[in-house]
Structures are given as C-alpha cells and as structure tokens.
Amino acid sequence: MDLQIADRLSTQHDHHDQDFARDVVQGLARQPKRLPPKYFYDARGSDLFEQITKLPEYYPTRSELAILRDRACEIAALIPHGAALVEFGAGAFTKARIVLGAANVAAYVPVDISAEFLNAQARTLRCDFPRLEVHPIAADFTAPFALPPPLRTLPKVGFFPGSTLGNFEPDDAVRFLRQIRGILGEDARLLIGIDLEKDEQLLVPAYDDAAGVTARFNLNLLARINRELGGDFDLSAFTHRALYNEARHRIEMHLVSRKPQTVRLLGQRFAFRTGESIHTENSYKFGLERFQEMARSAGWRSQTCWTDAARLFSVHALAASG
C-alpha cells in the first residue's frame, strides 16, 4: 500500500477499519487474488452464516451439535468446576449453550469480530443464564487479546467449534493453537471441532447449496467492501464457486469474474480477466491422527475425541502439555 493510501486510511478509519482496508488492498493486488475469510463476518455475513448452518446440505453443524448433545455429560466432566469458557469466534452461541447447560461454568467469554452481533447475543444469553458472568470481547480472535482481569485466576477452557481451524493454512493453524495456549495459560483445556475427510460428493454441496445461501454469504464480502471502503464491485459480475482440492485435503471458495472488468477501491484500480477469481476461503479436512499430531506440535495433548455416528465430524478434548 502506498503512503497516500495509508495517510487517507489513517484519517478516515479506526484501527480495525485500517486492517480491513490494508488486507483488502493487498489481497486484491496479489496474483492470484485472495481475501481473508475473517472479513465475511459483518452483521449481514454473520446472519447469512447462521442460515447456512441450518441448510440440509451443510452437515458440519448438525453433526457437531449431535456430538455435543450426545456427549454433554462426558464433556462437562472434563471441564473444571468454576472455569471460564472462552469461545473463539462465538457466532450465535448455539453450541456454547449446550456446554454451558451441562457444565458448572462460572464465566463465559465469547470472542467475535462482529461487535453488533456479539453484543446482541450476549444480552440474550444473560437473560437465559442469569447466574453466569458473560464478558463479550469484540476482537479478531485470530490475533492475541487479553482476558478480563477478574477471570485470570479461574481455570480456563477454550472452545473452538465449527472446524474453523480448517480455514487456516496448516502452519498458521499450528501457530494459532499455540496462541490459544498462550492466552489461556499453562493448565488450559481446549474443546475443538474438526471436520473429517470424506467423499467429494458430500463435501462440495455443503459449500455450494441449492438455495444459494453460501453464494450470498460469499458475495456479501464484496458488498461489505463497497459499503465500508467505498469500492464499486458489481456483485452481479461475480459468481460463487466451491471446489475440492484433493491433494491439499481442502474445500476452496472463490468469487469468479464473469467478464473483463476493473474495480476501483481507495484510489486504486484492480483489473479482472474473465474467469479470474478471488480466493476467499479454504476449509481443510482432517484425519483424526493427522489433527492430533498437529495439536501435539502446538503444545496440546489429546485427552479424548468423539465422532458422530456417520463419522463425518469430530470433537476433541485437549489439555496443555508440558
């Protein structure tokens, strides 16, 4: 990013907006173009994702919810009495509610990038769990953040459902798992959802549903750029595409240009060829042993793991290792 754009950003945007603008400009200048998936989750994007989780094609949420409900007592037994449950990328708290209802947790710390959505969910949760301390943190959960001082003496249990770890590149996933350990402390526990490898015929529809909700979710990223950064993306000139990269064990999501076009943004111009894409998300899939080895390399040891009956999804209980 040149100095003129940096100066403009420093006067027009707060720190979060500057990060968004920098990452968008740098990502569109790359070859191939790509944008970080964390920026999907403005208020509209968060709402669309909640719709995705209820789609018939989208097996991960159904499968993980089944594990959490079926194994709630076993999961609760691994959570220390009076612990603080820290959820990374909390969304609508749907899965956390199952854990909170089963375990004796003193405090819940939902961390999410969308402050408006996060605070609305926190207000509802306080009504439903009046004895629970709720400390929402509006932050990018992929970056280090500080826990509220009153919670620092409580046992810490991280909660990272949804197989969101699969959105990280493998080396970044290891770094993030180490970062979680650093935030939670030496005696921490971690409950984490991991999507398992499976047939492409089941995977692709989960990310390209017949109703087009995932397409709207993907395209909303361009709408957000237009609204917050003054871009002039024509959403009708891009189409959503999901494909399975077997060699890398991942689903990829792209926004593909339907025609030659130029997009203007923050004083810069970005040219697109017909068929050129913006790579917006990866979702890596794992074998159980491959994930556990990754966790070991990041300073976690496996306590146990559970899968649904069809072995589509897994939930792992980890403990910080020496």
Foldseek 3Di string as FASTA:
>chain_A
DDPVLVVVCVVPHDPVLSVQQVQQVVQLPDVQHAHEQLLLDAPVLLVLVVVLLPDPLACQNVFVLVCCQVCLQVVQVPDDAQAEEEEQACRLVPSVVSNVVRHRYAEYEYEGQHVVRQVVSQVVVCVVVVRHHYHYHNDNSLDADADPVVRLPGQYEYEYEDLVLQQDDLVSSLVSLLSVCVRRDQWYKYKYKAFAQDDQVSPQCSQQPPVCSNFVSVLVSVVCQCVSFVKDDDSVQWTWDWDADVVQQKIWIKTFGQAWDWMDTSRDIRTHHHGRIHTYTIGHHHDPVVVQVSSVSSQKHWPDKDGGPVRRMMMTMITGHD
